[in-house]
Amino acid sequence: MCLAIPAKVISVEGKLATVELAGTRAQARLDALGEEVRAGDWLLIHTGFAIRRLDPQDAQETLKLFDELFSSLEREDAG
């Protein structure tokens, strides 16, 4: 199973973007995207590669679902 995660673009230098999620910054390659990426865009990141641009609302909804999943798992571990 593969997992991709939404991240917000902070800056772009050539084919490399600095992205941020929950206060953590990382680098993401843009080679797999055939479109221009700018600071403020949301991208779906998988293994360090941007695989898709996301609508900001879709990104926020996905992050909310991740939060709900993690909360559910924490409750299971505590129970």
N, C-alpha and C. Protein backbone atom coordinates (compact mmCIF):
# COMPACT_ATOMS: atom_id res chain seq x y z
N MET A 1 0.85 -1.17 0.00
CA MET A 1 0.00 0.00 0.00
C MET A 1 0.90 1.24 0.00
N CYS A 2 0.50 2.24 -0.75
CA CYS A 2 1.24 3.50 -0.83
C CYS A 2 0.47 4.58 -0.09
N LEU A 3 1.22 5.53 0.44
CA LEU A 3 0.60 6.64 1.13
C LEU A 3 1.19 7.93 0.60
N ALA A 4 0.32 8.82 0.18
CA ALA A 4 0.74 10.15 -0.26
C ALA A 4 0.09 11.15 0.69
N ILE A 5 0.76 12.27 0.90
CA ILE A 5 0.30 13.21 1.91
C ILE A 5 0.33 14.64 1.35
N PRO A 6 -0.69 15.43 1.64
CA PRO A 6 -0.72 16.81 1.15
C PRO A 6 0.28 17.68 1.91
N ALA A 7 0.93 18.57 1.18
CA ALA A 7 1.86 19.51 1.79
C ALA A 7 1.80 20.83 1.03
N LYS A 8 2.01 21.92 1.75
CA LYS A 8 1.95 23.25 1.15
C LYS A 8 3.35 23.67 0.69
N VAL A 9 3.41 24.24 -0.51
CA VAL A 9 4.67 24.68 -1.07
C VAL A 9 5.08 26.01 -0.42
N ILE A 10 6.29 26.03 0.11
CA ILE A 10 6.86 27.23 0.72
C ILE A 10 7.69 27.99 -0.31
N SER A 11 8.49 27.26 -1.08
CA SER A 11 9.31 27.89 -2.11
C SER A 11 9.65 26.86 -3.18
N VAL A 12 10.05 27.37 -4.34
CA VAL A 12 10.42 26.50 -5.46
C VAL A 12 11.74 26.99 -6.04
N GLU A 13 12.65 26.04 -6.26
CA GLU A 13 13.92 26.32 -6.91
C GLU A 13 14.14 25.26 -7.96
N GLY A 14 13.92 25.62 -9.21
CA GLY A 14 14.04 24.64 -10.29
C GLY A 14 13.02 23.54 -10.14
N LYS A 15 13.50 22.31 -10.07
CA LYS A 15 12.62 21.14 -9.92
C LYS A 15 12.54 20.64 -8.49
N LEU A 16 12.82 21.52 -7.53
CA LEU A 16 12.80 21.15 -6.12
C LEU A 16 11.95 22.16 -5.35
N ALA A 17 11.00 21.64 -4.60
CA ALA A 17 10.14 22.50 -3.79
C ALA A 17 10.39 22.24 -2.31
N THR A 18 10.37 23.31 -1.54
CA THR A 18 10.35 23.17 -0.09
C THR A 18 8.88 23.17 0.29
N VAL A 19 8.45 22.12 0.99
CA VAL A 19 7.05 21.98 1.38
C VAL A 19 6.96 21.89 2.90
N GLU A 20 5.77 22.18 3.40
CA GLU A 20 5.57 22.15 4.85
C GLU A 20 4.26 21.45 5.18
N LEU A 21 4.33 20.66 6.23
CA LEU A 21 3.14 20.00 6.77
C LEU A 21 3.28 19.95 8.27
N ALA A 22 2.32 20.51 8.96
CA ALA A 22 2.29 20.49 10.43
C ALA A 22 3.60 21.01 11.04
N GLY A 23 4.14 22.07 10.43
CA GLY A 23 5.34 22.69 10.97
C GLY A 23 6.64 22.02 10.58
N THR A 24 6.58 20.94 9.84
CA THR A 24 7.78 20.24 9.40
C THR A 24 8.02 20.55 7.92
N ARG A 25 9.24 20.95 7.62
CA ARG A 25 9.60 21.25 6.23
C ARG A 25 10.41 20.11 5.64
N ALA A 26 10.21 19.91 4.34
CA ALA A 26 10.93 18.86 3.62
C ALA A 26 11.10 19.31 2.17
N GLN A 27 11.90 18.56 1.44
CA GLN A 27 12.10 18.83 0.02
C GLN A 27 11.29 17.82 -0.78
N ALA A 28 10.73 18.29 -1.89
CA ALA A 28 9.97 17.41 -2.78
C ALA A 28 10.40 17.67 -4.21
N ARG A 29 10.67 16.62 -4.94
CA ARG A 29 11.02 16.73 -6.36
C ARG A 29 9.77 17.02 -7.17
N LEU A 30 9.91 17.82 -8.21
CA LEU A 30 8.77 18.20 -9.04
C LEU A 30 8.82 17.56 -10.43
N ASP A 31 9.77 16.67 -10.66
CA ASP A 31 9.98 16.07 -11.97
C ASP A 31 8.75 15.36 -12.52
N ALA A 32 7.94 14.76 -11.66
CA ALA A 32 6.79 13.97 -12.12
C ALA A 32 5.60 14.84 -12.50
N LEU A 33 5.63 16.12 -12.15
CA LEU A 33 4.53 17.02 -12.50
C LEU A 33 4.83 17.70 -13.83
N GLY A 34 3.83 17.81 -14.64
CA GLY A 34 4.00 18.48 -15.92
C GLY A 34 3.44 19.89 -15.90
N GLU A 35 3.45 20.51 -14.74
CA GLU A 35 2.88 21.86 -14.62
C GLU A 35 3.72 22.70 -13.68
N GLU A 36 3.57 24.01 -13.81
CA GLU A 36 4.31 24.94 -12.97
C GLU A 36 3.78 24.89 -11.54
N VAL A 37 4.70 24.99 -10.59
CA VAL A 37 4.35 24.99 -9.18
C VAL A 37 4.85 26.28 -8.56
N ARG A 38 4.03 26.89 -7.72
CA ARG A 38 4.39 28.15 -7.06
C ARG A 38 4.20 28.03 -5.56
N ALA A 39 4.88 28.93 -4.84
CA ALA A 39 4.67 29.01 -3.39
C ALA A 39 3.19 29.22 -3.12
N GLY A 40 2.68 28.51 -2.11
CA GLY A 40 1.27 28.59 -1.77
C GLY A 40 0.44 27.46 -2.34
N ASP A 41 0.95 26.78 -3.37
CA ASP A 41 0.23 25.63 -3.94
C ASP A 41 0.25 24.48 -2.94
N TRP A 42 -0.71 23.60 -3.07
CA TRP A 42 -0.75 22.36 -2.29
C TRP A 42 -0.44 21.21 -3.24
N LEU A 43 0.43 20.30 -2.79
CA LEU A 43 0.83 19.16 -3.59
C LEU A 43 0.60 17.87 -2.82
N LEU A 44 0.36 16.82 -3.55
CA LEU A 44 0.29 15.48 -2.97
C LEU A 44 1.69 14.89 -3.12
N ILE A 45 2.32 14.54 -1.99
CA ILE A 45 3.71 14.08 -1.97
C ILE A 45 3.76 12.59 -1.63
N HIS A 46 4.54 11.86 -2.43
CA HIS A 46 4.76 10.43 -2.18
C HIS A 46 6.25 10.15 -2.34
N THR A 47 6.87 9.63 -1.33
CA THR A 47 8.30 9.29 -1.30
C THR A 47 9.20 10.41 -1.83
N GLY A 48 8.87 11.64 -1.47
CA GLY A 48 9.70 12.77 -1.84
C GLY A 48 9.43 13.36 -3.21
N PHE A 49 8.39 12.85 -3.89
CA PHE A 49 8.03 13.36 -5.21
C PHE A 49 6.61 13.92 -5.18
N ALA A 50 6.44 15.09 -5.79
CA ALA A 50 5.10 15.65 -5.95
C ALA A 50 4.43 14.88 -7.09
N ILE A 51 3.26 14.30 -6.81
CA ILE A 51 2.60 13.50 -7.84
C ILE A 51 1.33 14.16 -8.36
N ARG A 52 0.88 15.22 -7.67
CA ARG A 52 -0.35 15.88 -8.11
C ARG A 52 -0.50 17.21 -7.37
N ARG A 53 -1.04 18.21 -8.06
CA ARG A 53 -1.40 19.46 -7.39
C ARG A 53 -2.81 19.25 -6.81
N LEU A 54 -3.04 19.82 -5.64
CA LEU A 54 -4.34 19.67 -4.98
C LEU A 54 -5.02 21.03 -4.82
N ASP A 55 -6.33 21.00 -4.88
CA ASP A 55 -7.13 22.15 -4.52
C ASP A 55 -6.94 22.36 -3.01
N PRO A 56 -6.77 23.60 -2.55
CA PRO A 56 -6.55 23.83 -1.12
C PRO A 56 -7.63 23.21 -0.23
N GLN A 57 -8.89 23.26 -0.67
CA GLN A 57 -9.97 22.65 0.13
C GLN A 57 -9.81 21.14 0.23
N ASP A 58 -9.44 20.51 -0.88
CA ASP A 58 -9.22 19.06 -0.88
C ASP A 58 -8.06 18.69 0.05
N ALA A 59 -7.01 19.51 0.01
CA ALA A 59 -5.86 19.25 0.88
C ALA A 59 -6.28 19.33 2.34
N GLN A 60 -7.02 20.36 2.71
CA GLN A 60 -7.46 20.52 4.10
C GLN A 60 -8.38 19.38 4.54
N GLU A 61 -9.26 18.96 3.64
CA GLU A 61 -10.16 17.84 3.96
C GLU A 61 -9.38 16.55 4.18
N THR A 62 -8.37 16.32 3.35
CA THR A 62 -7.54 15.13 3.50
C THR A 62 -6.78 15.16 4.82
N LEU A 63 -6.21 16.33 5.16
CA LEU A 63 -5.49 16.46 6.42
C LEU A 63 -6.42 16.24 7.62
N LYS A 64 -7.66 16.71 7.50
CA LYS A 64 -8.64 16.50 8.57
C LYS A 64 -8.91 14.99 8.74
N LEU A 65 -9.02 14.28 7.63
CA LEU A 65 -9.24 12.83 7.70
C LEU A 65 -8.05 12.12 8.35
N PHE A 66 -6.83 12.55 8.01
CA PHE A 66 -5.65 11.99 8.67
C PHE A 66 -5.70 12.23 10.17
N ASP A 67 -6.06 13.45 10.58
CA ASP A 67 -6.17 13.76 12.01
C ASP A 67 -7.17 12.85 12.70
N GLU A 68 -8.33 12.64 12.07
CA GLU A 68 -9.35 11.75 12.64
C GLU A 68 -8.83 10.32 12.75
N LEU A 69 -8.11 9.86 11.74
CA LEU A 69 -7.54 8.52 11.77
C LEU A 69 -6.53 8.37 12.90
N PHE A 70 -5.62 9.34 13.03
CA PHE A 70 -4.62 9.28 14.09
C PHE A 70 -5.25 9.34 15.47
N SER A 71 -6.28 10.17 15.63
CA SER A 71 -6.98 10.25 16.91
C SER A 71 -7.64 8.92 17.26
N SER A 72 -8.22 8.30 16.27
CA SER A 72 -8.87 7.00 16.47
C SER A 72 -7.84 5.95 16.89
N LEU A 73 -6.69 5.96 16.26
CA LEU A 73 -5.64 4.99 16.59
C LEU A 73 -5.09 5.23 18.01
N GLU A 74 -4.97 6.51 18.38
CA GLU A 74 -4.50 6.83 19.74
C GLU A 74 -5.50 6.34 20.79
N ARG A 75 -6.79 6.49 20.51
CA ARG A 75 -7.81 6.00 21.44
C ARG A 75 -7.75 4.49 21.59
N GLU A 76 -7.51 3.80 20.46
CA GLU A 76 -7.40 2.34 20.52
C GLU A 76 -6.19 1.92 21.36
N ASP A 77 -5.07 2.61 21.18
CA ASP A 77 -3.86 2.29 21.94
C ASP A 77 -4.06 2.55 23.43
N ALA A 78 -4.80 3.59 23.77
CA ALA A 78 -5.01 3.94 25.17
C ALA A 78 -6.04 3.01 25.84
N GLY A 79 -6.89 2.41 25.04
CA GLY A 79 -7.98 1.58 25.58
C GLY A 79 -7.57 0.21 25.83
